[in-house]
Amino acid sequence: MSPKNLQRTGLVCCVLCSALLFVAYERYESNAKAARAINELTQLFPINTGVTVTPAMPTASKYALFFAVLSGVGGVACFTASRKS
């Protein structure tokens, strides 16, 4: 590949990485808001069981982070390969 094509591919990989990081953050925040809402709702009932819901990392966030790392590494590899050519 030509250096110009490698730079474009690296840029696309970096944009994809940032989009996937945003998706991972948004999915986790959505899950955390739902857990907070459930905890607030259970406090309104007269029978308090003492059970609280803690937010966990959704599977979508895990996959998004995994592919963000892959695309970030790919972007860096493309940029360094374009510099060497």
Protein backbone atom coordinates (compact mmCIF):
# COMPACT_ATOMS: atom_id res chain seq x y z
CA MET A 1 0.00 0.00 0.00
CA SER A 2 1.09 3.52 -0.61
CA PRO A 3 1.89 5.78 2.36
CA LYS A 4 -1.17 7.93 1.59
CA ASN A 5 -3.48 4.91 1.71
CA LEU A 6 -1.87 3.75 4.96
CA GLN A 7 -2.45 7.18 6.49
CA ARG A 8 -6.11 7.12 5.44
CA THR A 9 -6.53 3.63 6.85
CA GLY A 10 -4.86 4.73 10.09
CA LEU A 11 -7.18 7.72 10.33
CA VAL A 12 -10.26 5.54 9.76
CA CYS A 13 -9.04 3.13 12.45
CA CYS A 14 -8.56 5.99 14.93
CA VAL A 15 -12.03 7.40 14.19
CA LEU A 16 -13.49 3.92 14.63
CA CYS A 17 -11.61 3.57 17.92
CA SER A 18 -13.02 6.83 19.27
CA ALA A 19 -16.56 5.90 18.20
CA LEU A 20 -16.28 2.52 19.91
CA LEU A 21 -14.97 4.15 23.09
CA PHE A 22 -18.00 6.46 23.07
CA VAL A 23 -20.34 3.47 22.62
CA ALA A 24 -18.69 1.62 25.50
CA TYR A 25 -19.00 4.66 27.79
CA GLU A 26 -22.62 5.30 26.80
CA ARG A 27 -23.66 1.68 27.37
CA TYR A 28 -22.01 1.61 30.80
CA GLU A 29 -23.57 4.92 31.82
CA SER A 30 -26.99 3.68 30.69
CA ASN A 31 -26.56 0.59 32.85
CA ALA A 32 -25.40 2.67 35.83
CA LYS A 33 -28.39 5.02 35.51
CA ALA A 34 -30.75 2.05 35.46
CA ALA A 35 -29.13 0.62 38.58
CA ARG A 36 -29.43 3.98 40.35
CA ALA A 37 -33.10 4.22 39.36
CA ILE A 38 -33.82 0.74 40.69
CA ASN A 39 -32.08 1.55 43.97
CA GLU A 40 -34.09 4.76 44.34
CA LEU A 41 -37.30 2.94 43.50
CA THR A 42 -36.70 0.22 46.09
CA GLN A 43 -36.20 2.87 48.77
CA LEU A 44 -39.71 4.18 48.15
CA PHE A 45 -41.41 0.95 49.18
CA PRO A 46 -42.31 0.54 52.85
CA ILE A 47 -40.71 -2.93 53.01
CA ASN A 48 -37.01 -2.28 52.68
CA THR A 49 -35.09 -5.48 51.96
CA GLY A 50 -31.67 -3.82 52.09
CA VAL A 51 -30.76 -5.21 48.66
CA THR A 52 -28.94 -2.79 46.39
CA VAL A 53 -28.21 -3.20 42.72
CA THR A 54 -24.67 -2.44 41.60
CA PRO A 55 -23.94 -1.57 37.98
CA ALA A 56 -21.88 -4.08 36.06
CA MET A 57 -20.14 -3.68 32.74
CA PRO A 58 -22.52 -4.73 29.95
CA THR A 59 -21.35 -7.18 27.31
CA ALA A 60 -21.74 -4.51 24.64
CA SER A 61 -19.23 -2.34 26.49
CA LYS A 62 -16.75 -5.19 26.76
CA TYR A 63 -16.93 -5.92 23.03
CA ALA A 64 -16.74 -2.22 22.16
CA LEU A 65 -13.63 -1.81 24.31
CA PHE A 66 -12.04 -4.90 22.77
CA PHE A 67 -12.61 -3.69 19.22
CA ALA A 68 -11.56 -0.16 20.17
CA VAL A 69 -8.20 -1.52 21.32
CA LEU A 70 -7.86 -3.54 18.12
CA SER A 71 -8.68 -0.60 15.88
CA GLY A 72 -6.41 1.70 17.89
CA VAL A 73 -3.50 -0.69 17.52
CA GLY A 74 -4.29 -1.06 13.82
CA GLY A 75 -4.37 2.71 13.39
CA VAL A 76 -1.03 3.16 15.10
CA ALA A 77 0.46 0.33 13.03
CA CYS A 78 -0.78 1.96 9.81
CA PHE A 79 0.63 5.36 10.79
CA THR A 80 4.04 3.90 11.67
CA ALA A 81 4.09 1.82 8.46
CA SER A 82 3.29 4.93 6.41
CA ARG A 83 6.21 6.78 8.02
CA LYS A 84 8.66 3.99 7.18
CA SER A 85 7.64 3.81 3.51
